[in-house]
Amino acid sequence: MTRYLRNTRDGFIYDWNPILAENASCEEVTEEEAFPERFIPKAQKGRKAKIDLSTEDIPEEPAVENTELNLEASRGL
């Protein structure tokens, strides 16, 4: 089992070193604490959706036309 040291001030991880181990701002941690991303379970099951996400019944919105805005926008043309 590999030993690691973690700096308590900034959280930086070091390989175990006897000089760093004497430092008061370093604490010894396990490999799982140092690198938790290595210990994520391989197969995780997701949750089933509780709501219906189908988009078949969504009505289209009618086109909105603002004549005043169109006249003002085309004034410089």
PDB file of N, CA and C in Angstrom:
ATOM      1  N   MET A   1       0.842  -1.178   0.000  1.00  0.00           N
ATOM      2  CA  MET A   1       0.000   0.000   0.000  1.00  0.00           C
ATOM      3  C   MET A   1       0.888   1.242   0.000  1.00  0.00           C
ATOM      4  N   THR A   2       0.611   2.134  -0.889  1.00  0.00           N
ATOM      5  CA  THR A   2       1.384   3.353  -1.020  1.00  0.00           C
ATOM      6  C   THR A   2       0.908   4.372   0.001  1.00  0.00           C
ATOM      7  N   ARG A   3       1.851   5.112   0.541  1.00  0.00           N
ATOM      8  CA  ARG A   3       1.521   6.122   1.543  1.00  0.00           C
ATOM      9  C   ARG A   3       1.611   7.505   0.897  1.00  0.00           C
ATOM     10  N   TYR A   4       0.731   8.398   1.340  1.00  0.00           N
ATOM     11  CA  TYR A   4       0.691   9.751   0.803  1.00  0.00           C
ATOM     12  C   TYR A   4       0.606  10.748   1.944  1.00  0.00           C
ATOM     13  N   LEU A   5       1.027  11.977   1.660  1.00  0.00           N
ATOM     14  CA  LEU A   5       0.927  13.078   2.604  1.00  0.00           C
ATOM     15  C   LEU A   5       0.095  14.180   1.967  1.00  0.00           C
ATOM     16  N   ARG A   6      -0.735  14.823   2.781  1.00  0.00           N
ATOM     17  CA  ARG A   6      -1.558  15.935   2.289  1.00  0.00           C
ATOM     18  C   ARG A   6      -1.226  17.173   3.109  1.00  0.00           C
ATOM     19  N   ASN A   7      -0.994  18.274   2.424  1.00  0.00           N
ATOM     20  CA  ASN A   7      -0.759  19.543   3.091  1.00  0.00           C
ATOM     21  C   ASN A   7      -2.098  20.045   3.620  1.00  0.00           C
ATOM     22  N   THR A   8      -2.176  20.377   4.907  1.00  0.00           N
ATOM     23  CA  THR A   8      -3.458  20.784   5.497  1.00  0.00           C
ATOM     24  C   THR A   8      -3.855  22.195   5.090  1.00  0.00           C
ATOM     25  N   ARG A   9      -2.919  22.991   4.622  1.00  0.00           N
ATOM     26  CA  ARG A   9      -3.242  24.372   4.241  1.00  0.00           C
ATOM     27  C   ARG A   9      -3.867  24.461   2.849  1.00  0.00           C
ATOM     28  N   ASP A  10      -3.233  23.802   1.879  1.00  0.00           N
ATOM     29  CA  ASP A  10      -3.730  23.924   0.503  1.00  0.00           C
ATOM     30  C   ASP A  10      -4.249  22.619  -0.085  1.00  0.00           C
ATOM     31  N   GLY A  11      -4.118  21.484   0.625  1.00  0.00           N
ATOM     32  CA  GLY A  11      -4.655  20.219   0.154  1.00  0.00           C
ATOM     33  C   GLY A  11      -3.803  19.509  -0.882  1.00  0.00           C
ATOM     34  N   PHE A  12      -2.601  19.989  -1.144  1.00  0.00           N
ATOM     35  CA  PHE A  12      -1.731  19.373  -2.141  1.00  0.00           C
ATOM     36  C   PHE A  12      -1.286  18.003  -1.655  1.00  0.00           C
ATOM     37  N   ILE A  13      -1.233  17.022  -2.551  1.00  0.00           N
ATOM     38  CA  ILE A  13      -0.878  15.644  -2.217  1.00  0.00           C
ATOM     39  C   ILE A  13       0.572  15.380  -2.620  1.00  0.00           C
ATOM     40  N   TYR A  14       1.339  14.778  -1.701  1.00  0.00           N
ATOM     41  CA  TYR A  14       2.722  14.402  -1.954  1.00  0.00           C
ATOM     42  C   TYR A  14       2.875  12.904  -1.737  1.00  0.00           C
ATOM     43  N   ASP A  15       3.855  12.285  -2.430  1.00  0.00           N
ATOM     44  CA  ASP A  15       4.252  10.932  -2.077  1.00  0.00           C
ATOM     45  C   ASP A  15       4.891  10.996  -0.693  1.00  0.00           C
ATOM     46  N   TRP A  16       4.829   9.886   0.030  1.00  0.00           N
ATOM     47  CA  TRP A  16       5.346   9.892   1.393  1.00  0.00           C
ATOM     48  C   TRP A  16       6.852  10.097   1.379  1.00  0.00           C
ATOM     49  N   ASN A  17       7.318  11.009   2.223  1.00  0.00           N
ATOM     50  CA  ASN A  17       8.726  11.346   2.333  1.00  0.00           C
ATOM     51  C   ASN A  17       8.997  11.570   3.815  1.00  0.00           C
ATOM     52  N   PRO A  18      10.057  11.008   4.389  1.00  0.00           N
ATOM     53  CA  PRO A  18      10.282  11.161   5.827  1.00  0.00           C
ATOM     54  C   PRO A  18      10.488  12.609   6.266  1.00  0.00           C
ATOM     55  N   ILE A  19      11.061  13.426   5.407  1.00  0.00           N
ATOM     56  CA  ILE A  19      11.267  14.841   5.759  1.00  0.00           C
ATOM     57  C   ILE A  19       9.925  15.567   5.790  1.00  0.00           C
ATOM     58  N   LEU A  20       9.081  15.321   4.774  1.00  0.00           N
ATOM     59  CA  LEU A  20       7.761  15.962   4.753  1.00  0.00           C
ATOM     60  C   LEU A  20       6.863  15.422   5.860  1.00  0.00           C
ATOM     61  N   ALA A  21       7.052  14.161   6.240  1.00  0.00           N
ATOM     62  CA  ALA A  21       6.219  13.561   7.284  1.00  0.00           C
ATOM     63  C   ALA A  21       6.443  14.241   8.622  1.00  0.00           C
ATOM     64  N   GLU A  22       7.634  14.798   8.852  1.00  0.00           N
ATOM     65  CA  GLU A  22       7.918  15.512  10.093  1.00  0.00           C
ATOM     66  C   GLU A  22       7.290  16.899  10.122  1.00  0.00           C
ATOM     67  N   ASN A  23       6.930  17.416   8.971  1.00  0.00           N
ATOM     68  CA  ASN A  23       6.349  18.753   8.885  1.00  0.00           C
ATOM     69  C   ASN A  23       4.982  18.763   9.564  1.00  0.00           C
ATOM     70  N   ALA A  24       4.730  19.789  10.387  1.00  0.00           N
ATOM     71  CA  ALA A  24       3.477  19.867  11.140  1.00  0.00           C
ATOM     72  C   ALA A  24       2.277  20.154  10.238  1.00  0.00           C
ATOM     73  N   SER A  25       2.494  20.748   9.070  1.00  0.00           N
ATOM     74  CA  SER A  25       1.366  21.081   8.197  1.00  0.00           C
ATOM     75  C   SER A  25       1.009  19.943   7.244  1.00  0.00           C
ATOM     76  N   CYS A  26       1.661  18.779   7.370  1.00  0.00           N
ATOM     77  CA  CYS A  26       1.353  17.628   6.525  1.00  0.00           C
ATOM     78  C   CYS A  26       0.752  16.513   7.375  1.00  0.00           C
ATOM     79  N   GLU A  27      -0.230  15.839   6.805  1.00  0.00           N
ATOM     80  CA  GLU A  27      -0.841  14.703   7.484  1.00  0.00           C
ATOM     81  C   GLU A  27      -0.836  13.517   6.537  1.00  0.00           C
ATOM     82  N   GLU A  28      -0.719  12.310   7.105  1.00  0.00           N
ATOM     83  CA  GLU A  28      -0.699  11.106   6.288  1.00  0.00           C
ATOM     84  C   GLU A  28      -2.127  10.714   5.942  1.00  0.00           C
ATOM     85  N   VAL A  29      -2.355  10.392   4.672  1.00  0.00           N
ATOM     86  CA  VAL A  29      -3.677   9.992   4.195  1.00  0.00           C
ATOM     87  C   VAL A  29      -3.554   8.697   3.417  1.00  0.00           C
ATOM     88  N   THR A  30      -4.667   7.998   3.306  1.00  0.00           N
ATOM     89  CA  THR A  30      -4.688   6.763   2.523  1.00  0.00           C
ATOM     90  C   THR A  30      -4.778   7.099   1.040  1.00  0.00           C
ATOM     91  N   GLU A  31      -4.567   6.091   0.211  1.00  0.00           N
ATOM     92  CA  GLU A  31      -4.658   6.298  -1.236  1.00  0.00           C
ATOM     93  C   GLU A  31      -6.077   6.677  -1.646  1.00  0.00           C
ATOM     94  N   GLU A  32      -7.071   6.129  -0.973  1.00  0.00           N
ATOM     95  CA  GLU A  32      -8.466   6.445  -1.294  1.00  0.00           C
ATOM     96  C   GLU A  32      -8.796   7.894  -0.956  1.00  0.00           C
ATOM     97  N   GLU A  33      -8.225   8.429   0.111  1.00  0.00           N
ATOM     98  CA  GLU A  33      -8.437   9.833   0.453  1.00  0.00           C
ATOM     99  C   GLU A  33      -7.667  10.753  -0.487  1.00  0.00           C
ATOM    100  N   ALA A  34      -6.494  10.323  -0.913  1.00  0.00           N
ATOM    101  CA  ALA A  34      -5.659  11.143  -1.784  1.00  0.00           C
ATOM    102  C   ALA A  34      -6.209  11.215  -3.209  1.00  0.00           C
ATOM    103  N   PHE A  35      -6.680  10.072  -3.727  1.00  0.00           N
ATOM    104  CA  PHE A  35      -7.167  10.012  -5.102  1.00  0.00           C
ATOM    105  C   PHE A  35      -8.516   9.291  -5.150  1.00  0.00           C
ATOM    106  N   PRO A  36      -9.606   9.940  -4.768  1.00  0.00           N
ATOM    107  CA  PRO A  36     -10.912   9.268  -4.735  1.00  0.00           C
ATOM    108  C   PRO A  36     -11.436   8.888  -6.118  1.00  0.00           C
ATOM    109  N   GLU A  37     -10.964   9.550  -7.175  1.00  0.00           N
ATOM    110  CA  GLU A  37     -11.450   9.235  -8.517  1.00  0.00           C
ATOM    111  C   GLU A  37     -11.031   7.834  -8.966  1.00  0.00           C
ATOM    112  N   ARG A  38     -10.015   7.272  -8.350  1.00  0.00           N
ATOM    113  CA  ARG A  38      -9.587   5.918  -8.693  1.00  0.00           C
ATOM    114  C   ARG A  38     -10.509   4.847  -8.109  1.00  0.00           C
ATOM    115  N   PHE A  39     -11.328   5.207  -7.147  1.00  0.00           N
ATOM    116  CA  PHE A  39     -12.131   4.221  -6.433  1.00  0.00           C
ATOM    117  C   PHE A  39     -13.620   4.349  -6.719  1.00  0.00           C
ATOM    118  N   ILE A  40     -13.990   4.962  -7.824  1.00  0.00           N
ATOM    119  CA  ILE A  40     -15.389   5.060  -8.227  1.00  0.00           C
ATOM    120  C   ILE A  40     -15.834   3.693  -8.735  1.00  0.00           C
ATOM    121  N   PRO A  41     -16.981   3.206  -8.309  1.00  0.00           N
ATOM    122  CA  PRO A  41     -17.449   1.900  -8.799  1.00  0.00           C
ATOM    123  C   PRO A  41     -17.601   1.915 -10.319  1.00  0.00           C
ATOM    124  N   LYS A  42     -17.269   0.798 -10.947  1.00  0.00           N
ATOM    125  CA  LYS A  42     -17.290   0.712 -12.412  1.00  0.00           C
ATOM    126  C   LYS A  42     -18.696   0.832 -12.982  1.00  0.00           C
ATOM    127  N   ALA A  43     -19.639   0.081 -12.437  1.00  0.00           N
ATOM    128  CA  ALA A  43     -21.001   0.096 -12.978  1.00  0.00           C
ATOM    129  C   ALA A  43     -21.941   0.724 -11.961  1.00  0.00           C
ATOM    130  N   GLN A  44     -22.479   1.869 -12.314  1.00  0.00           N
ATOM    131  CA  GLN A  44     -23.465   2.516 -11.466  1.00  0.00           C
ATOM    132  C   GLN A  44     -24.782   2.549 -12.221  1.00  0.00           C
ATOM    133  N   LYS A  45     -25.842   2.174 -11.549  1.00  0.00           N
ATOM    134  CA  LYS A  45     -27.153   2.162 -12.174  1.00  0.00           C
ATOM    135  C   LYS A  45     -27.802   3.527 -11.999  1.00  0.00           C
ATOM    136  N   GLY A  46     -28.398   4.015 -13.077  1.00  0.00           N
ATOM    137  CA  GLY A  46     -29.083   5.295 -13.022  1.00  0.00           C
ATOM    138  C   GLY A  46     -30.519   5.126 -12.573  1.00  0.00           C
ATOM    139  N   ARG A  47     -31.143   6.213 -12.239  1.00  0.00           N
ATOM    140  CA  ARG A  47     -32.545   6.194 -11.833  1.00  0.00           C
ATOM    141  C   ARG A  47     -33.437   6.267 -13.060  1.00  0.00           C
ATOM    142  N   LYS A  48     -34.595   5.666 -12.954  1.00  0.00           N
ATOM    143  CA  LYS A  48     -35.558   5.758 -14.042  1.00  0.00           C
ATOM    144  C   LYS A  48     -36.279   7.096 -13.953  1.00  0.00           C
ATOM    145  N   ALA A  49     -36.631   7.631 -15.109  1.00  0.00           N
ATOM    146  CA  ALA A  49     -37.312   8.916 -15.151  1.00  0.00           C
ATOM    147  C   ALA A  49     -38.723   8.780 -14.591  1.00  0.00           C
ATOM    148  N   LYS A  50     -39.109   9.735 -13.755  1.00  0.00           N
ATOM    149  CA  LYS A  50     -40.437   9.702 -13.150  1.00  0.00           C
ATOM    150  C   LYS A  50     -41.443  10.543 -13.939  1.00  0.00           C
ATOM    151  N   ILE A  51     -40.951  11.332 -14.887  1.00  0.00           N
ATOM    152  CA  ILE A  51     -41.850  12.169 -15.672  1.00  0.00           C
ATOM    153  C   ILE A  51     -41.724  11.800 -17.152  1.00  0.00           C
ATOM    154  N   ASP A  52     -42.733  12.173 -17.914  1.00  0.00           N
ATOM    155  CA  ASP A  52     -42.739  11.893 -19.345  1.00  0.00           C
ATOM    156  C   ASP A  52     -42.024  13.035 -20.061  1.00  0.00           C
ATOM    157  N   LEU A  53     -40.972  12.727 -20.787  1.00  0.00           N
ATOM    158  CA  LEU A  53     -40.179  13.743 -21.469  1.00  0.00           C
ATOM    159  C   LEU A  53     -40.418  13.766 -22.977  1.00  0.00           C
ATOM    160  N   SER A  54     -41.499  13.166 -23.435  1.00  0.00           N
ATOM    161  CA  SER A  54     -41.763  13.139 -24.870  1.00  0.00           C
ATOM    162  C   SER A  54     -42.159  14.526 -25.367  1.00  0.00           C
ATOM    163  N   THR A  55     -41.811  14.824 -26.614  1.00  0.00           N
ATOM    164  CA  THR A  55     -42.077  16.142 -27.192  1.00  0.00           C
ATOM    165  C   THR A  55     -43.057  16.067 -28.349  1.00  0.00           C
ATOM    166  N   GLU A  56     -43.855  15.031 -28.414  1.00  0.00           N
ATOM    167  CA  GLU A  56     -44.760  14.852 -29.537  1.00  0.00           C
ATOM    168  C   GLU A  56     -45.990  15.764 -29.466  1.00  0.00           C
ATOM    169  N   ASP A  57     -46.500  16.079 -28.303  1.00  0.00           N
ATOM    170  CA  ASP A  57     -47.768  16.809 -28.169  1.00  0.00           C
ATOM    171  C   ASP A  57     -47.598  18.302 -27.902  1.00  0.00           C
ATOM    172  N   ILE A  58     -46.456  18.880 -28.202  1.00  0.00           N
ATOM    173  CA  ILE A  58     -46.243  20.304 -27.945  1.00  0.00           C
ATOM    174  C   ILE A  58     -46.779  21.093 -29.134  1.00  0.00           C
ATOM    175  N   PRO A  59     -47.749  21.983 -28.903  1.00  0.00           N
ATOM    176  CA  PRO A  59     -48.294  22.770 -30.019  1.00  0.00           C
ATOM    177  C   PRO A  59     -47.317  23.871 -30.433  1.00  0.00           C
ATOM    178  N   GLU A  60     -47.357  24.245 -31.698  1.00  0.00           N
ATOM    179  CA  GLU A  60     -46.499  25.322 -32.182  1.00  0.00           C
ATOM    180  C   GLU A  60     -47.128  26.653 -31.821  1.00  0.00           C
ATOM    181  N   GLU A  61     -46.301  27.609 -31.454  1.00  0.00           N
ATOM    182  CA  GLU A  61     -46.797  28.934 -31.096  1.00  0.00           C
ATOM    183  C   GLU A  61     -47.104  29.713 -32.372  1.00  0.00           C
ATOM    184  N   PRO A  62     -48.184  30.475 -32.369  1.00  0.00           N
ATOM    185  CA  PRO A  62     -48.505  31.276 -33.556  1.00  0.00           C
ATOM    186  C   PRO A  62     -47.482  32.411 -33.715  1.00  0.00           C
ATOM    187  N   ALA A  63     -47.220  32.775 -34.958  1.00  0.00           N
ATOM    188  CA  ALA A  63     -46.272  33.848 -35.230  1.00  0.00           C
ATOM    189  C   ALA A  63     -46.869  35.179 -34.787  1.00  0.00           C
ATOM    190  N   VAL A  64     -46.095  35.950 -34.064  1.00  0.00           N
ATOM    191  CA  VAL A  64     -46.541  37.256 -33.575  1.00  0.00           C
ATOM    192  C   VAL A  64     -45.883  38.311 -34.450  1.00  0.00           C
ATOM    193  N   GLU A  65     -46.727  39.190 -35.010  1.00  0.00           N
ATOM    194  CA  GLU A  65     -46.199  40.222 -35.889  1.00  0.00           C
ATOM    195  C   GLU A  65     -46.577  41.584 -35.321  1.00  0.00           C
ATOM    196  N   ASN A  66     -45.590  42.390 -35.096  1.00  0.00           N
ATOM    197  CA  ASN A  66     -45.799  43.723 -34.555  1.00  0.00           C
ATOM    198  C   ASN A  66     -45.529  44.728 -35.674  1.00  0.00           C
ATOM    199  N   THR A  67     -46.588  45.339 -36.205  1.00  0.00           N
ATOM    200  CA  THR A  67     -46.434  46.234 -37.362  1.00  0.00           C
ATOM    201  C   THR A  67     -45.667  47.497 -37.002  1.00  0.00           C
ATOM    202  N   GLU A  68     -45.860  48.033 -35.801  1.00  0.00           N
ATOM    203  CA  GLU A  68     -45.135  49.262 -35.397  1.00  0.00           C
ATOM    204  C   GLU A  68     -43.632  49.000 -35.318  1.00  0.00           C
ATOM    205  N   LEU A  69     -43.267  47.857 -34.771  1.00  0.00           N
ATOM    206  CA  LEU A  69     -41.871  47.519 -34.651  1.00  0.00           C
ATOM    207  C   LEU A  69     -41.244  47.283 -36.029  1.00  0.00           C
ATOM    208  N   ASN A  70     -41.998  46.632 -36.922  1.00  0.00           N
ATOM    209  CA  ASN A  70     -41.482  46.402 -38.272  1.00  0.00           C
ATOM    210  C   ASN A  70     -41.305  47.710 -39.030  1.00  0.00           C
ATOM    211  N   LEU A  71     -42.232  48.661 -38.861  1.00  0.00           N
ATOM    212  CA  LEU A  71     -42.087  49.952 -39.537  1.00  0.00           C
ATOM    213  C   LEU A  71     -40.873  50.705 -39.005  1.00  0.00           C
ATOM    214  N   GLU A  72     -40.666  50.693 -37.700  1.00  0.00           N
ATOM    215  CA  GLU A  72     -39.527  51.409 -37.120  1.00  0.00           C
ATOM    216  C   GLU A  72     -38.209  50.753 -37.515  1.00  0.00           C
ATOM    217  N   ALA A  73     -38.180  49.443 -37.608  1.00  0.00           N
ATOM    218  CA  ALA A  73     -36.954  48.747 -37.964  1.00  0.00           C
ATOM    219  C   ALA A  73     -36.572  48.991 -39.421  1.00  0.00           C
ATOM    220  N   SER A  74     -37.537  49.178 -40.293  1.00  0.00           N
ATOM    221  CA  SER A  74     -37.247  49.381 -41.707  1.00  0.00           C
ATOM    222  C   SER A  74     -37.244  50.855 -42.096  1.00  0.00           C
ATOM    223  N   ARG A  75     -37.246  51.739 -41.139  1.00  0.00           N
ATOM    224  CA  ARG A  75     -37.320  53.173 -41.436  1.00  0.00           C
ATOM    225  C   ARG A  75     -36.080  53.667 -42.175  1.00  0.00           C
ATOM    226  N   GLY A  76     -34.891  53.200 -41.822  1.00  0.00           N
ATOM    227  CA  GLY A  76     -33.663  53.690 -42.459  1.00  0.00           C
ATOM    228  C   GLY A  76     -33.398  53.066 -43.819  1.00  0.00           C
ATOM    229  N   LEU A  77     -34.179  52.083 -44.207  1.00  0.00           N
ATOM    230  CA  LEU A  77     -33.940  51.430 -45.487  1.00  0.00           C
ATOM    231  C   LEU A  77     -34.601  52.233 -46.530  1.00  0.00           C
TER     232      LEU A  77
END
